[in-house]
């Protein structure tokens, strides 16, 4: 394969400007990370420890193999909403347990008892979706008071879907394991109840549909926690507990042994290419995205710093040049790459659709690298067939069955987001850089369009037009779009699986690719009819 020849000058003024802009974009995420790690604050943590309990992150660390990486997902769920706790009271991610890549969920009971609010439900559903599509055994570390009752109207319907998806995992042959460390109440009780394997901690776990106060109100029965739903009762009487653990460490030991006894094997191909590091410094990725989102970025510079050995065999390099396509590998896994070097014209759309078909024909996963303002507009583009050609690309993306990974390194606007396998098109994983912007269109463009529409309407009706008010409305629209298109807002609403430091891109993509190969990698044999 050809090694990409980098033309990036790390000593240039423009590189340093872009690098400083990226570091500035990382700072709000570092502040959010502190809130996520605090998990309820010092008093809640101290109270939790005084009960002899491990924190949720400590449980995850003990469950994982020694020195195994943990690909945490949706870290900042809820960060868009000042009323919510960043992280959504739940830890989710992919990690290795006894040599098996698993999806791990852990309730953070130091935040309102681990009760599930709307953000937590959405985060849990996304984790279950990733587990199902990538054939990852599921391990849930349970300590939850169930639904967050003040927000019950927003979680009752979607919350019920979590139990449906849990049992569908089992039906698909994907193991589900629950380790229960504390209260598992109401909806939380169905997590162990619908798992294949359950482990309850003696004198700590309690599982019941209604706690003692509700039982008193409903049937006037006086009963204590242990008699109603304690670990020993479920191990000796109800049969809900498959294993009774002496303490938390014992529960984790049992959970690891359950995984070992699965004798689980990946169904996809193993890495087949050399996984040597890129020829260029990954730290230089900090300066590979433009400080000004209107400025184009040379995407090959990014590829040179994430691909194995910086090797890249480009496909159709002289045609549709604003979409870079070709073959490379990450962590030894072959990948086909579609990366934006500008706006999409008809040529780029046709090239991308062709390339996606080839990847499916050979069963090769696809990596989409987005920095896209959309498809070309205007009379020349319309006469040239931009709609039908864009439809071909969206058709190919929609019906492709090889794993898709999407990395957003800049703008992601309009149908360009769709055509490059945005979140709505079910990529296996979506990650973004902190400079990322996502919306129907940019703020100035949307404000200008609305201004033209209002001005035209006023002219048709013969009304006077207030230019000062128009300017004020345009400013308000631009400010709204600036807020709602930011990386923090998008990741808070789970439009992606995480905002990552650009320097970690190769590692994150490698872990995600490994996870996708737990399932078979099979290309599509049929697409919807292409409009030629």
Protein backbone atom coordinates (compact mmCIF):
# COMPACT_ATOMS: atom_id res chain seq x y z
CA UNK A 1 0.00 0.00 0.00
CA UNK A 2 1.01 3.61 -0.55
CA UNK A 3 2.11 5.59 2.50
CA UNK A 4 0.42 9.00 2.65
CA UNK A 5 2.91 11.81 2.20
CA UNK A 6 2.08 14.48 4.74
CA UNK A 7 2.35 18.13 3.74
CA UNK A 8 1.33 19.43 7.15
CA UNK A 9 3.72 21.95 8.68
CA UNK A 10 3.45 21.73 12.50
CA UNK A 11 5.60 24.86 12.79
CA UNK A 12 3.29 27.02 10.69
CA UNK A 13 1.18 29.83 12.10
CA UNK A 14 -2.06 28.33 10.76
CA UNK A 15 -1.30 24.95 12.35
CA UNK A 16 -0.72 26.57 15.74
CA UNK A 17 -3.91 28.59 15.38
CA UNK A 18 -5.91 25.43 14.64
CA UNK A 19 -4.18 23.56 17.47
CA UNK A 20 -4.99 26.27 20.02
CA UNK A 21 -8.61 26.35 18.85
CA UNK A 22 -8.90 22.59 19.36
CA UNK A 23 -7.35 22.79 22.84
CA UNK A 24 -9.86 25.53 23.69
CA UNK A 25 -12.70 23.28 22.47
CA UNK A 26 -11.44 20.50 24.75
CA UNK A 27 -11.58 22.60 27.94
CA UNK A 28 -15.38 22.52 28.45
CA UNK A 29 -15.23 18.73 28.09
CA UNK A 30 -12.54 18.52 30.75
CA UNK A 31 -14.79 20.50 33.10
CA UNK A 32 -17.72 18.20 32.31
CA UNK A 33 -15.51 15.17 32.92
CA UNK A 34 -14.90 16.37 36.48
CA UNK A 35 -18.66 16.49 37.09
CA UNK A 36 -19.10 13.02 35.59
CA UNK A 37 -16.37 11.56 37.79
CA UNK A 38 -17.70 13.26 40.94
CA UNK A 39 -20.88 11.18 40.53
CA UNK A 40 -23.10 12.93 43.05
CA UNK A 41 -20.47 14.78 45.01
CA UNK A 42 -18.35 14.18 48.11
CA UNK A 43 -21.17 13.71 50.64
CA UNK A 44 -22.94 11.10 48.53
CA UNK A 45 -19.69 9.25 47.89
CA UNK A 46 -18.74 9.28 51.58
CA UNK A 47 -22.19 8.01 52.56
CA UNK A 48 -21.92 5.23 49.98
CA UNK A 49 -18.49 4.19 51.23
CA UNK A 50 -19.65 4.25 54.85
CA UNK A 51 -21.98 1.39 53.92
CA UNK A 52 -19.03 -0.70 52.80
CA UNK A 53 -19.86 -0.31 49.12
CA UNK A 54 -17.65 0.14 46.09
CA UNK A 55 -18.27 2.99 43.68
CA UNK A 56 -19.66 2.13 40.25
CA UNK A 57 -16.36 2.86 38.51
CA UNK A 58 -14.49 0.71 41.01
CA UNK A 59 -16.85 -2.17 40.24
CA UNK A 60 -16.21 -1.74 36.52
CA UNK A 61 -12.44 -1.65 37.05
CA UNK A 62 -12.52 -4.88 39.08
CA UNK A 63 -14.72 -6.59 36.51
CA UNK A 64 -12.39 -5.82 33.62
CA UNK A 65 -9.25 -7.79 32.86
CA UNK A 66 -6.13 -6.25 34.35
CA UNK A 67 -4.93 -3.25 32.29
CA UNK A 68 -7.73 -3.83 29.76
CA UNK A 69 -9.01 -0.67 28.04
CA UNK A 70 -12.58 0.47 28.57
CA UNK A 71 -14.32 2.21 25.67
CA UNK A 72 -16.74 4.36 27.65
CA UNK A 73 -19.77 5.53 25.69
CA UNK A 74 -22.12 8.50 25.97
CA UNK A 75 -19.96 9.96 28.75
CA UNK A 76 -21.67 13.34 28.66
CA UNK A 77 -25.29 12.25 28.16
CA UNK A 78 -27.50 14.96 29.63
CA UNK A 79 -24.81 17.63 29.41
CA UNK A 80 -27.01 19.74 27.13
CA UNK A 81 -29.57 20.19 29.91
CA UNK A 82 -28.60 22.23 33.00
CA UNK A 83 -31.30 20.36 34.96
CA UNK A 84 -29.61 17.01 34.33
CA UNK A 85 -26.46 15.37 35.69
CA UNK A 86 -23.76 14.94 33.00
CA UNK A 87 -23.29 11.21 32.53
CA UNK A 88 -26.96 10.43 33.23
CA UNK A 89 -26.32 8.43 36.45
CA UNK A 90 -25.13 5.49 34.35
CA UNK A 91 -21.82 4.14 33.04
CA UNK A 92 -21.86 2.28 29.73
CA UNK A 93 -19.03 0.97 27.61
CA UNK A 94 -17.21 -1.91 25.99
CA UNK A 95 -14.52 -3.73 27.96
CA UNK A 96 -12.81 -7.11 28.09
CA UNK A 97 -13.83 -9.60 30.80
CA UNK A 98 -11.90 -12.88 30.87
CA UNK A 99 -10.82 -12.25 27.30
CA UNK A 100 -14.36 -11.52 26.06
CA UNK A 101 -15.44 -8.10 24.83
CA UNK A 102 -18.65 -7.23 26.71
CA UNK A 103 -21.06 -4.35 26.94
CA UNK A 104 -21.03 -3.16 30.54
CA UNK A 105 -23.73 -1.05 32.26
CA UNK A 106 -23.28 0.22 35.80
CA UNK A 107 -25.80 2.27 37.82
CA UNK A 108 -24.29 5.16 39.74
CA UNK A 109 -26.25 4.93 42.96
CA UNK A 110 -24.42 7.95 44.41
CA UNK A 111 -26.57 10.10 42.10
CA UNK A 112 -30.19 9.98 43.32
CA UNK A 113 -29.97 6.29 44.13
CA UNK A 114 -29.11 5.37 40.55
CA UNK A 115 -32.70 6.12 39.51
CA UNK A 116 -33.20 6.42 35.77
CA UNK A 117 -34.16 9.76 34.24
CA UNK A 118 -34.92 10.28 30.51
CA UNK A 119 -31.23 10.71 29.63
CA UNK A 120 -30.33 7.50 31.47
CA UNK A 121 -33.05 5.57 29.64
CA UNK A 122 -31.83 6.85 26.28
CA UNK A 123 -28.25 5.99 27.20
CA UNK A 124 -29.23 2.50 28.34
CA UNK A 125 -31.21 1.86 25.15
CA UNK A 126 -28.23 2.92 23.02
CA UNK A 127 -25.97 0.53 24.94
CA UNK A 128 -28.42 -2.34 24.43
CA UNK A 129 -28.58 -1.51 20.71
CA UNK A 130 -24.79 -1.60 20.42
CA UNK A 131 -24.68 -4.92 22.30
CA UNK A 132 -27.26 -6.46 19.97
CA UNK A 133 -25.80 -5.20 16.68
CA UNK A 134 -22.24 -6.14 17.61
CA UNK A 135 -23.08 -9.40 19.42
CA UNK A 136 -21.56 -8.33 22.74
CA UNK A 137 -22.46 -10.18 25.96
CA UNK A 138 -24.14 -7.79 28.39
CA UNK A 139 -23.10 -7.38 32.03
CA UNK A 140 -25.21 -5.05 34.20
CA UNK A 141 -23.92 -3.87 37.58
CA UNK A 142 -27.21 -3.10 39.27
CA UNK A 143 -27.98 -0.69 42.09
CA UNK A 144 -30.95 1.41 41.09
CA UNK A 145 -34.13 2.75 42.61
CA UNK A 146 -35.85 2.31 39.24
CA UNK A 147 -37.60 5.20 37.53
CA UNK A 148 -36.94 8.79 38.58
CA UNK A 149 -40.57 9.45 39.56
CA UNK A 150 -40.64 13.23 38.96
CA UNK A 151 -39.82 12.53 35.29
CA UNK A 152 -42.02 9.43 34.96
CA UNK A 153 -44.09 10.94 32.15
CA UNK A 154 -40.98 11.13 29.97
CA UNK A 155 -39.59 7.69 30.77
CA UNK A 156 -42.54 5.33 31.21
CA UNK A 157 -42.92 4.37 27.55
CA UNK A 158 -39.23 4.36 26.44
CA UNK A 159 -38.25 2.81 29.76
CA UNK A 160 -40.42 -0.20 29.06
CA UNK A 161 -38.46 -0.78 25.88
CA UNK A 162 -35.29 -1.51 27.86
CA UNK A 163 -36.80 -4.76 29.13
CA UNK A 164 -37.95 -5.70 25.64
CA UNK A 165 -34.45 -5.15 24.26
CA UNK A 166 -32.91 -7.07 27.14
CA UNK A 167 -34.92 -10.20 26.47
CA UNK A 168 -34.35 -9.83 22.71
CA UNK A 169 -30.62 -10.04 23.38
CA UNK A 170 -31.13 -13.40 25.06
CA UNK A 171 -33.39 -14.57 22.23
CA UNK A 172 -30.61 -13.65 19.78
CA UNK A 173 -28.18 -15.88 21.68
CA UNK A 174 -26.31 -13.00 23.33
CA UNK A 175 -25.71 -13.72 27.04
CA UNK A 176 -27.05 -11.30 29.67
CA UNK A 177 -25.66 -11.18 33.21
CA UNK A 178 -26.77 -9.07 36.19
CA UNK A 179 -24.68 -8.51 39.30
CA UNK A 180 -26.88 -6.87 41.96
CA UNK A 181 -25.08 -4.86 44.64
CA UNK A 182 -27.93 -2.97 46.29
CA UNK A 183 -31.51 -1.92 45.79
CA UNK A 184 -33.08 -3.02 42.53
CA UNK A 185 -36.58 -1.68 42.75
CA UNK A 186 -39.65 -1.56 40.50
CA UNK A 187 -38.41 -1.28 36.91
CA UNK A 188 -34.90 -1.94 38.20
CA UNK A 189 -36.03 -5.37 39.38
CA UNK A 190 -36.65 -6.47 35.81
CA UNK A 191 -32.96 -6.10 34.95
CA UNK A 192 -31.94 -9.16 37.01
CA UNK A 193 -35.36 -10.72 36.46
CA UNK A 194 -34.91 -10.81 32.69
CA UNK A 195 -31.19 -11.63 32.62
CA UNK A 196 -29.92 -15.14 31.96
CA UNK A 197 -27.58 -15.10 34.96
CA UNK A 198 -28.11 -13.25 38.25
CA UNK A 199 -25.73 -12.74 41.15
CA UNK A 200 -26.98 -11.10 44.36
CA UNK A 201 -24.78 -9.82 47.19
CA UNK A 202 -25.73 -11.16 50.62
CA UNK A 203 -27.01 -8.58 53.11
CA UNK A 204 -26.85 -5.84 50.46
CA UNK A 205 -28.91 -6.69 47.38
CA UNK A 206 -32.67 -6.33 47.48
CA UNK A 207 -34.90 -6.97 44.49
CA UNK A 208 -38.63 -6.28 44.55
CA UNK A 209 -41.32 -4.73 42.40
CA UNK A 210 -42.59 -2.64 45.31
CA UNK A 211 -40.68 -1.78 48.48
CA UNK A 212 -42.02 -2.10 52.02
CA UNK A 213 -43.82 1.30 51.96
CA UNK A 214 -45.66 0.44 48.75
CA UNK A 215 -46.55 -3.03 50.05
CA UNK A 216 -47.97 -1.40 53.18
CA UNK A 217 -50.06 1.01 51.14
CA UNK A 218 -51.20 -1.57 48.59
CA UNK A 219 -52.09 -4.59 50.76
CA UNK A 220 -51.48 -3.36 54.33
CA UNK A 221 -48.67 -5.88 54.87
CA UNK A 222 -45.78 -5.06 57.19
CA UNK A 223 -42.57 -6.58 55.82
CA UNK A 224 -38.86 -5.80 55.99
CA UNK A 225 -36.41 -5.52 53.08
CA UNK A 226 -34.80 -8.93 53.53
CA UNK A 227 -38.05 -10.85 53.87
CA UNK A 228 -39.57 -9.04 50.91
CA UNK A 229 -36.71 -9.21 48.41
CA UNK A 230 -33.37 -9.87 50.08
CA UNK A 231 -30.54 -11.79 48.46
CA UNK A 232 -30.89 -14.87 50.69
CA UNK A 233 -34.63 -15.05 50.13
CA UNK A 234 -34.17 -14.94 46.35
CA UNK A 235 -31.36 -17.53 46.52
CA UNK A 236 -33.23 -19.97 48.80
CA UNK A 237 -36.96 -19.32 48.17
CA UNK A 238 -37.90 -17.48 44.96
CA UNK A 239 -35.04 -18.80 42.83
CA UNK A 240 -34.39 -15.41 41.26
CA UNK A 241 -30.74 -15.49 42.39
CA UNK A 242 -28.56 -18.01 40.58
CA UNK A 243 -25.58 -17.18 42.79
CA UNK A 244 -25.37 -15.74 46.30
CA UNK A 245 -22.19 -13.68 46.72
CA UNK A 246 -20.57 -13.08 50.09
CA UNK A 247 -19.63 -9.51 49.22
CA UNK A 248 -19.09 -7.21 46.24
CA UNK A 249 -15.68 -8.62 45.37
CA UNK A 250 -17.13 -12.12 45.42
CA UNK A 251 -19.98 -11.01 43.12
CA UNK A 252 -17.48 -9.65 40.61
CA UNK A 253 -15.43 -12.85 40.84
CA UNK A 254 -18.55 -14.90 40.12
CA UNK A 255 -19.47 -12.60 37.23
CA UNK A 256 -16.03 -13.06 35.66
CA UNK A 257 -16.34 -16.83 36.05
CA UNK A 258 -19.74 -16.82 34.35
CA UNK A 259 -18.16 -15.08 31.37
CA UNK A 260 -15.31 -17.60 31.29
CA UNK A 261 -17.82 -20.46 31.30
CA UNK A 262 -19.57 -19.03 28.23
CA UNK A 263 -16.61 -20.01 26.01
CA UNK A 264 -17.64 -17.07 23.85
CA UNK A 265 -15.96 -16.59 20.48
CA UNK A 266 -15.98 -13.72 18.00
CA UNK A 267 -18.01 -14.43 14.86
CA UNK A 268 -16.16 -11.94 12.65
CA UNK A 269 -12.70 -12.21 11.07
CA UNK A 270 -9.61 -11.53 13.16
CA UNK A 271 -7.20 -8.68 12.31
CA UNK A 272 -5.37 -9.64 9.13
CA UNK A 273 -3.00 -6.74 8.44
CA UNK A 274 0.01 -5.25 10.28
CA UNK A 275 -1.15 -2.95 13.09
CA UNK A 276 1.96 -0.77 13.13
CA UNK A 277 1.57 2.84 14.28
CA UNK A 278 1.14 5.72 11.83
CA UNK A 279 4.24 7.28 10.31
CA UNK A 280 3.27 10.66 11.78
CA UNK A 281 2.71 11.95 15.31
CA UNK A 282 -0.90 11.47 16.47
CA UNK A 283 -0.52 14.60 18.62
CA UNK A 284 -0.54 16.57 15.36
CA UNK A 285 -4.22 15.72 14.98
CA UNK A 286 -4.87 18.69 17.27
CA UNK A 287 -3.94 20.94 14.35
CA UNK A 288 -5.64 18.98 11.58
CA UNK A 289 -9.08 20.60 11.87
CA UNK A 290 -9.67 24.25 10.94
CA UNK A 291 -10.39 26.85 13.61
CA UNK A 292 -12.85 28.37 11.14
CA UNK A 293 -15.46 25.72 10.17
CA UNK A 294 -15.86 27.45 6.79
CA UNK A 295 -12.29 26.56 5.88
CA UNK A 296 -11.69 23.22 4.19
CA UNK A 297 -9.45 20.61 5.83
CA UNK A 298 -7.14 18.21 3.99
CA UNK A 299 -8.60 14.98 5.26
CA UNK A 300 -5.63 12.90 4.09
CA UNK A 301 -3.63 14.56 6.88
CA UNK A 302 -6.08 13.06 9.37
CA UNK A 303 -5.97 9.65 7.71
CA UNK A 304 -2.16 9.74 7.79
CA UNK A 305 -2.31 9.91 11.59
CA UNK A 306 -4.92 7.22 12.30
CA UNK A 307 -4.30 4.47 9.71
CA UNK A 308 -1.88 1.60 10.30
CA UNK A 309 1.49 2.68 8.99
CA UNK A 310 -0.23 5.69 7.35
CA UNK A 311 -0.95 3.34 4.44
CA UNK A 312 -3.81 4.23 2.11
CA UNK A 313 -4.69 2.94 -1.34
CA UNK A 314 -6.90 5.64 -2.82
CA UNK A 315 -9.81 4.71 -5.08
CA UNK A 316 -10.71 7.00 -8.02
CA UNK A 317 -8.28 9.75 -6.90
CA UNK A 318 -8.87 11.87 -10.03
CA UNK A 319 -12.69 11.72 -10.02
CA UNK A 320 -15.00 13.41 -7.53
CA UNK A 321 -11.96 14.73 -5.71
CA UNK A 322 -13.89 16.31 -2.82
CA UNK A 323 -14.75 12.86 -1.52
CA UNK A 324 -11.65 10.82 -0.67
CA UNK A 325 -12.22 7.07 -0.89
CA UNK A 326 -9.83 4.15 -0.48
CA UNK A 327 -8.57 1.20 1.51
CA UNK A 328 -6.52 1.06 4.69
CA UNK A 329 -6.53 -0.60 8.10
CA UNK A 330 -6.82 0.29 11.78
CA UNK A 331 -5.57 -2.05 14.52
CA UNK A 332 -5.01 -4.62 11.79
CA UNK A 333 -8.65 -4.58 10.64
CA UNK A 334 -9.15 -3.71 6.94
CA UNK A 335 -11.42 -0.70 6.38
CA UNK A 336 -12.85 1.18 3.45
CA UNK A 337 -12.79 4.94 3.97
CA UNK A 338 -15.05 7.74 2.73
CA UNK A 339 -13.77 11.12 3.88
CA UNK A 340 -14.92 14.64 2.97
CA UNK A 341 -12.51 17.07 1.40
CA UNK A 342 -15.30 19.49 0.57
CA UNK A 343 -18.91 19.73 -0.51
CA UNK A 344 -20.58 16.83 -2.33
CA UNK A 345 -21.23 17.23 -6.07
CA UNK A 346 -22.79 14.62 -8.36
CA UNK A 347 -19.38 13.09 -9.07
CA UNK A 348 -18.66 12.61 -5.36
CA UNK A 349 -22.08 11.05 -4.79
CA UNK A 350 -21.63 8.57 -7.64
CA UNK A 351 -18.11 7.72 -6.51
CA UNK A 352 -19.24 7.15 -2.93
CA UNK A 353 -22.13 4.90 -3.94
CA UNK A 354 -19.81 2.82 -6.13
CA UNK A 355 -17.24 2.49 -3.35
CA UNK A 356 -19.84 1.41 -0.77
CA UNK A 357 -21.01 -1.33 -3.12
CA UNK A 358 -17.43 -2.56 -3.48
CA UNK A 359 -16.91 -2.67 0.30
CA UNK A 360 -20.09 -4.70 0.67
CA UNK A 361 -19.07 -7.05 -2.13
CA UNK A 362 -15.89 -7.87 -0.23
CA UNK A 363 -17.25 -7.69 3.34
CA UNK A 364 -15.05 -4.78 4.46
CA UNK A 365 -16.22 -2.36 7.21
CA UNK A 366 -16.53 1.32 6.33
CA UNK A 367 -15.19 4.39 8.12
CA UNK A 368 -16.91 7.69 7.28
CA UNK A 369 -14.93 10.83 8.16
CA UNK A 370 -17.31 13.79 8.12
CA UNK A 371 -16.52 17.43 7.51
CA UNK A 372 -19.44 18.28 5.27
CA UNK A 373 -21.66 21.31 4.71
CA UNK A 374 -23.97 19.34 2.41
CA UNK A 375 -24.67 18.71 -1.25
CA UNK A 376 -24.09 21.40 -3.87
CA UNK A 377 -27.07 23.64 -4.58
CA UNK A 378 -27.92 25.92 -7.49
CA UNK A 379 -29.29 25.65 -11.01
CA UNK A 380 -26.18 23.99 -12.48
CA UNK A 381 -26.19 21.32 -9.78
CA UNK A 382 -29.92 20.68 -10.19
CA UNK A 383 -29.66 20.35 -13.97
CA UNK A 384 -26.71 18.05 -13.45
CA UNK A 385 -28.83 15.66 -11.38
CA UNK A 386 -27.65 16.34 -7.83
CA UNK A 387 -30.91 15.00 -6.35
CA UNK A 388 -30.82 11.65 -8.13
CA UNK A 389 -27.07 11.29 -7.61
CA UNK A 390 -27.32 12.21 -3.94
CA UNK A 391 -30.14 9.67 -3.64
CA UNK A 392 -27.78 6.97 -4.94
CA UNK A 393 -25.30 7.69 -2.18
CA UNK A 394 -27.99 7.74 0.52
CA UNK A 395 -29.43 4.51 -0.96
CA UNK A 396 -26.01 2.85 -0.73
CA UNK A 397 -25.44 4.05 2.85
CA UNK A 398 -28.94 2.97 3.92
CA UNK A 399 -28.71 -0.56 2.53
CA UNK A 400 -25.06 -1.31 3.26
CA UNK A 401 -24.77 -4.11 5.85
CA UNK A 402 -21.05 -4.06 6.65
CA UNK A 403 -20.25 -2.26 9.93
CA UNK A 404 -20.15 1.53 9.65
CA UNK A 405 -18.05 3.70 11.94
CA UNK A 406 -18.55 7.46 11.70
CA UNK A 407 -16.04 10.09 12.81
CA UNK A 408 -17.07 13.75 12.70
CA UNK A 409 -14.07 16.08 12.57
CA UNK A 410 -15.79 19.34 11.58
CA UNK A 411 -19.12 20.43 10.13
CA UNK A 412 -21.97 18.00 9.63
CA UNK A 413 -24.85 19.80 7.97
CA UNK A 414 -28.04 18.84 6.18
CA UNK A 415 -28.25 15.85 3.88
CA UNK A 416 -24.46 15.67 3.92
CA UNK A 417 -24.78 14.20 7.41
CA UNK A 418 -27.16 11.55 6.08
CA UNK A 419 -25.07 10.69 3.04
CA UNK A 420 -21.99 10.21 5.25
CA UNK A 421 -23.73 7.75 7.60
CA UNK A 422 -24.89 10.11 10.31
CA UNK A 423 -26.58 8.91 13.49
CA UNK A 424 -29.95 8.46 11.77
CA UNK A 425 -28.41 5.83 9.48
CA UNK A 426 -27.47 3.42 12.26
CA UNK A 427 -23.67 3.32 12.18
CA UNK A 428 -22.32 0.88 14.75
CA UNK A 429 -20.45 3.72 16.49
CA UNK A 430 -20.35 7.51 16.05
CA UNK A 431 -17.58 9.63 17.54
CA UNK A 432 -16.90 13.35 17.22
CA UNK A 433 -14.11 15.80 17.80
CA UNK A 434 -14.88 18.72 20.16
CA UNK A 435 -14.91 21.28 17.32
CA UNK A 436 -17.76 19.37 15.66
CA UNK A 437 -20.89 21.23 14.55
CA UNK A 438 -24.15 19.53 13.52
CA UNK A 439 -27.39 21.08 12.24
CA UNK A 440 -29.70 21.37 9.25
CA UNK A 441 -27.44 24.25 8.16
CA UNK A 442 -25.12 26.81 9.70
CA UNK A 443 -26.51 29.66 11.81
CA UNK A 444 -25.73 32.49 9.34
CA UNK A 445 -27.22 30.48 6.48
CA UNK A 446 -30.40 29.63 8.40
CA UNK A 447 -30.77 33.21 9.66
CA UNK A 448 -30.29 34.54 6.13
CA UNK A 449 -32.80 32.11 4.62
CA UNK A 450 -35.44 33.05 7.20
CA UNK A 451 -34.73 36.73 6.56
CA UNK A 452 -35.28 36.32 2.81
CA UNK A 453 -38.53 34.44 3.43
CA UNK A 454 -39.84 37.15 5.79
CA UNK A 455 -38.77 39.96 3.48
CA UNK A 456 -40.44 38.29 0.48
CA UNK A 457 -43.66 37.72 2.43
CA UNK A 458 -43.71 41.40 3.47
CA UNK A 459 -43.20 42.54 -0.11
CA UNK A 460 -46.05 40.36 -1.35
CA UNK A 461 -48.44 41.75 1.23
CA UNK A 462 -47.30 45.34 0.68
CA UNK A 463 -46.24 45.69 4.32
CA UNK A 464 -43.29 47.76 5.53
CA UNK A 465 -40.25 45.73 6.57
CA UNK A 466 -38.43 46.48 9.83
CA UNK A 467 -34.73 46.04 9.11
CA UNK A 468 -33.72 46.54 12.74
CA UNK A 469 -36.08 43.83 13.89
CA UNK A 470 -34.84 41.58 11.08
CA UNK A 471 -31.26 42.01 12.26
CA UNK A 472 -32.30 41.16 15.83
CA UNK A 473 -34.14 38.01 14.73
CA UNK A 474 -31.15 36.92 12.63
CA UNK A 475 -28.85 37.34 15.63
CA UNK A 476 -31.19 35.28 17.81
CA UNK A 477 -31.36 32.50 15.21
CA UNK A 478 -27.58 32.43 14.82
CA UNK A 479 -27.09 32.26 18.60
CA UNK A 480 -29.65 29.44 18.91
CA UNK A 481 -28.03 27.42 16.13
CA UNK A 482 -24.58 28.04 17.59
CA UNK A 483 -25.74 26.53 20.91
CA UNK A 484 -27.78 23.67 19.47
CA UNK A 485 -25.14 22.61 16.95
CA UNK A 486 -22.24 22.38 19.41
CA UNK A 487 -20.48 19.14 20.22
CA UNK A 488 -21.58 19.27 23.87
CA UNK A 489 -25.23 19.83 22.97
CA UNK A 490 -25.17 17.01 20.42
CA UNK A 491 -23.45 14.46 22.63
CA UNK A 492 -25.70 15.43 25.56
CA UNK A 493 -28.67 14.35 23.44
CA UNK A 494 -26.92 11.13 22.37
CA UNK A 495 -26.58 12.12 18.72
CA UNK A 496 -23.21 10.37 18.96
CA UNK A 497 -21.44 7.87 21.20
CA UNK A 498 -18.90 10.30 22.57
CA UNK A 499 -16.75 13.37 22.00
CA UNK A 500 -13.12 12.31 21.92
CA UNK A 501 -9.75 14.00 22.12
CA UNK A 502 -8.38 13.93 18.55
CA UNK A 503 -5.16 12.38 19.86
CA UNK A 504 -7.16 9.31 20.96
CA UNK A 505 -8.88 8.79 17.61
CA UNK A 506 -6.88 5.78 16.46
CA UNK A 507 -7.26 4.01 19.81
CA UNK A 508 -11.01 4.64 19.97
CA UNK A 509 -11.60 3.50 16.39
CA UNK A 510 -9.46 0.41 16.96
CA UNK A 511 -11.49 -0.60 20.02
CA UNK A 512 -14.75 0.06 18.17
CA UNK A 513 -13.63 -1.99 15.16
CA UNK A 514 -12.65 -4.86 17.42
CA UNK A 515 -16.11 -4.76 19.01
CA UNK A 516 -17.86 -4.83 15.62
CA UNK A 517 -15.97 -8.01 14.74
CA UNK A 518 -17.65 -9.84 17.59
CA UNK A 519 -20.50 -10.17 15.09
CA UNK A 520 -20.24 -11.57 11.55
CA UNK A 521 -19.15 -9.06 8.91
CA UNK A 522 -21.42 -9.60 5.93
CA UNK A 523 -21.94 -7.29 2.95
CA UNK A 524 -25.26 -6.44 1.33
CA UNK A 525 -26.30 -8.41 -1.73
CA UNK A 526 -29.18 -6.09 -2.67
CA UNK A 527 -29.72 -2.35 -2.79
CA UNK A 528 -32.85 -0.37 -3.61
CA UNK A 529 -33.09 0.50 -7.33
CA UNK A 530 -30.70 3.32 -8.22
CA UNK A 531 -32.13 6.24 -10.17
CA UNK A 532 -29.75 6.35 -13.11
